[in-house]
Amino acid sequence: MSTTVDEIADGIYRLSTWVPDIAPPAGFTFNQFLIGADEPLLFHTGPRAMFPLVSEAVGTILPIERLRWITFGHVESDECGSMNQWL
């Protein structure tokens, strides 16, 4: 697995991780969104096991220490499973 980074608007990034083992044969893609503002925001953290991939992807955009806000749409492990890893 790897996470790709796409700038979808000025300073807004989509981090996508395709997981082939979920819903084969098509697989499933998890997405997080990073807003690289004065106080950067990460929308969705992804599952706990994806923390290394997502944090590395964030690090290609800005230093992890600059991340100021983390939020998510609802509370499930695919949305916020690695939340405690970011703290």
C-alpha atoms as a PDB file:
ATOM      1  CA  MET A   1       0.000   0.000   0.000  1.00  0.00           C
ATOM      2  CA  SER A   2       1.018   3.568  -0.564  1.00  0.00           C
ATOM      3  CA  THR A   3      -0.636   6.926  -0.204  1.00  0.00           C
ATOM      4  CA  THR A   4      -0.791   9.332  -3.115  1.00  0.00           C
ATOM      5  CA  VAL A   5      -1.000  13.081  -2.692  1.00  0.00           C
ATOM      6  CA  ASP A   6      -2.915  15.303  -5.111  1.00  0.00           C
ATOM      7  CA  GLU A   7      -3.393  19.043  -4.763  1.00  0.00           C
ATOM      8  CA  ILE A   8      -7.061  19.380  -5.717  1.00  0.00           C
ATOM      9  CA  ALA A   9      -7.246  23.160  -5.174  1.00  0.00           C
ATOM     10  CA  ASP A  10      -4.751  25.780  -4.090  1.00  0.00           C
ATOM     11  CA  GLY A  11      -3.438  24.533  -0.720  1.00  0.00           C
ATOM     12  CA  ILE A  12      -5.987  21.702  -0.440  1.00  0.00           C
ATOM     13  CA  TYR A  13      -4.686  18.151  -0.774  1.00  0.00           C
ATOM     14  CA  ARG A  14      -6.329  14.748  -1.113  1.00  0.00           C
ATOM     15  CA  LEU A  15      -4.367  11.872   0.422  1.00  0.00           C
ATOM     16  CA  SER A  16      -5.553   8.572  -1.082  1.00  0.00           C
ATOM     17  CA  THR A  17      -4.637   5.060   0.023  1.00  0.00           C
ATOM     18  CA  TRP A  18      -5.933   2.155  -2.055  1.00  0.00           C
ATOM     19  CA  VAL A  19      -6.382  -1.071  -0.061  1.00  0.00           C
ATOM     20  CA  PRO A  20      -6.789  -4.082  -2.368  1.00  0.00           C
ATOM     21  CA  ASP A  21      -7.904  -6.483   0.411  1.00  0.00           C
ATOM     22  CA  ILE A  22     -11.115  -4.558   1.112  1.00  0.00           C
ATOM     23  CA  ALA A  23     -13.971  -5.398  -1.264  1.00  0.00           C
ATOM     24  CA  PRO A  24     -11.926  -7.462  -3.743  1.00  0.00           C
ATOM     25  CA  PRO A  25     -11.376  -7.475  -6.615  1.00  0.00           C
ATOM     26  CA  ALA A  26     -11.977  -3.711  -6.873  1.00  0.00           C
ATOM     27  CA  GLY A  27     -10.405  -2.761  -3.540  1.00  0.00           C
ATOM     28  CA  PHE A  28     -11.263   0.362  -1.560  1.00  0.00           C
ATOM     29  CA  THR A  29      -9.700   3.801  -1.389  1.00  0.00           C
ATOM     30  CA  PHE A  30      -9.466   5.741   1.870  1.00  0.00           C
ATOM     31  CA  ASN A  31      -9.184   9.512   1.502  1.00  0.00           C
ATOM     32  CA  GLN A  32      -8.049  12.208   3.872  1.00  0.00           C
ATOM     33  CA  PHE A  33      -7.966  15.907   3.108  1.00  0.00           C
ATOM     34  CA  LEU A  34      -5.343  18.374   4.264  1.00  0.00           C
ATOM     35  CA  ILE A  35      -5.844  22.115   4.190  1.00  0.00           C
ATOM     36  CA  GLY A  36      -2.426  23.742   4.236  1.00  0.00           C
ATOM     37  CA  ALA A  37      -3.426  27.063   5.811  1.00  0.00           C
ATOM     38  CA  ASP A  38      -1.879  29.154   8.586  1.00  0.00           C
ATOM     39  CA  GLU A  39      -3.360  26.586  10.965  1.00  0.00           C
ATOM     40  CA  PRO A  40      -3.350  23.366   8.871  1.00  0.00           C
ATOM     41  CA  LEU A  41      -6.334  21.025   9.190  1.00  0.00           C
ATOM     42  CA  LEU A  42      -6.524  17.274   8.508  1.00  0.00           C
ATOM     43  CA  PHE A  43      -9.988  15.915   7.710  1.00  0.00           C
ATOM     44  CA  HIS A  44     -10.099  12.199   8.603  1.00  0.00           C
ATOM     45  CA  THR A  45      -7.127  10.364  10.075  1.00  0.00           C
ATOM     46  CA  GLY A  46      -7.830   6.987   8.512  1.00  0.00           C
ATOM     47  CA  PRO A  47      -7.666   3.584  10.209  1.00  0.00           C
ATOM     48  CA  ARG A  48      -4.994   3.020  12.853  1.00  0.00           C
ATOM     49  CA  ALA A  49      -2.920   0.745  10.595  1.00  0.00           C
ATOM     50  CA  MET A  50      -2.676   3.504   7.977  1.00  0.00           C
ATOM     51  CA  PHE A  51      -1.100   6.051  10.339  1.00  0.00           C
ATOM     52  CA  PRO A  52       2.451   5.557   8.985  1.00  0.00           C
ATOM     53  CA  LEU A  53       1.293   6.069   5.401  1.00  0.00           C
ATOM     54  CA  VAL A  54      -0.917   9.074   6.104  1.00  0.00           C
ATOM     55  CA  SER A  55       1.572  10.809   8.394  1.00  0.00           C
ATOM     56  CA  GLU A  56       4.326  10.322   5.805  1.00  0.00           C
ATOM     57  CA  ALA A  57       2.072  11.809   3.120  1.00  0.00           C
ATOM     58  CA  VAL A  58       1.258  14.807   5.334  1.00  0.00           C
ATOM     59  CA  GLY A  59       5.001  15.218   5.921  1.00  0.00           C
ATOM     60  CA  THR A  60       5.582  15.656   2.194  1.00  0.00           C
ATOM     61  CA  ILE A  61       3.345  18.738   2.298  1.00  0.00           C
ATOM     62  CA  LEU A  62       4.232  20.318   5.638  1.00  0.00           C
ATOM     63  CA  PRO A  63       6.054  19.428   8.855  1.00  0.00           C
ATOM     64  CA  ILE A  64       3.787  17.248  11.018  1.00  0.00           C
ATOM     65  CA  GLU A  65       4.395  19.597  13.940  1.00  0.00           C
ATOM     66  CA  ARG A  66       2.532  22.364  12.056  1.00  0.00           C
ATOM     67  CA  LEU A  67      -0.701  20.355  11.959  1.00  0.00           C
ATOM     68  CA  ARG A  68      -3.089  22.343  14.152  1.00  0.00           C
ATOM     69  CA  TRP A  69      -6.536  20.809  13.650  1.00  0.00           C
ATOM     70  CA  ILE A  70      -7.893  17.296  13.131  1.00  0.00           C
ATOM     71  CA  THR A  71     -11.566  16.669  12.414  1.00  0.00           C
ATOM     72  CA  PHE A  72     -13.797  13.990  10.910  1.00  0.00           C
ATOM     73  CA  GLY A  73     -17.325  13.487   9.642  1.00  0.00           C
ATOM     74  CA  HIS A  74     -18.366  10.813  12.123  1.00  0.00           C
ATOM     75  CA  VAL A  75     -16.840   8.500  14.719  1.00  0.00           C
ATOM     76  CA  GLU A  76     -15.848   5.156  13.190  1.00  0.00           C
ATOM     77  CA  SER A  77     -12.485   3.457  12.967  1.00  0.00           C
ATOM     78  CA  ASP A  78     -12.097   4.228   9.251  1.00  0.00           C
ATOM     79  CA  GLU A  79     -12.553   7.949   9.923  1.00  0.00           C
ATOM     80  CA  CYS A  80     -10.635   8.456  13.161  1.00  0.00           C
ATOM     81  CA  GLY A  81      -8.979   5.133  14.005  1.00  0.00           C
ATOM     82  CA  SER A  82      -5.489   6.611  14.202  1.00  0.00           C
ATOM     83  CA  MET A  83      -6.553   9.725  16.122  1.00  0.00           C
ATOM     84  CA  ASN A  84      -4.509   8.826  19.217  1.00  0.00           C
ATOM     85  CA  GLN A  85      -1.398   8.406  17.050  1.00  0.00           C
ATOM     86  CA  TRP A  86      -1.550  12.085  16.035  1.00  0.00           C
ATOM     87  CA  LEU A  87      -1.779  13.397  19.601  1.00  0.00           C
END
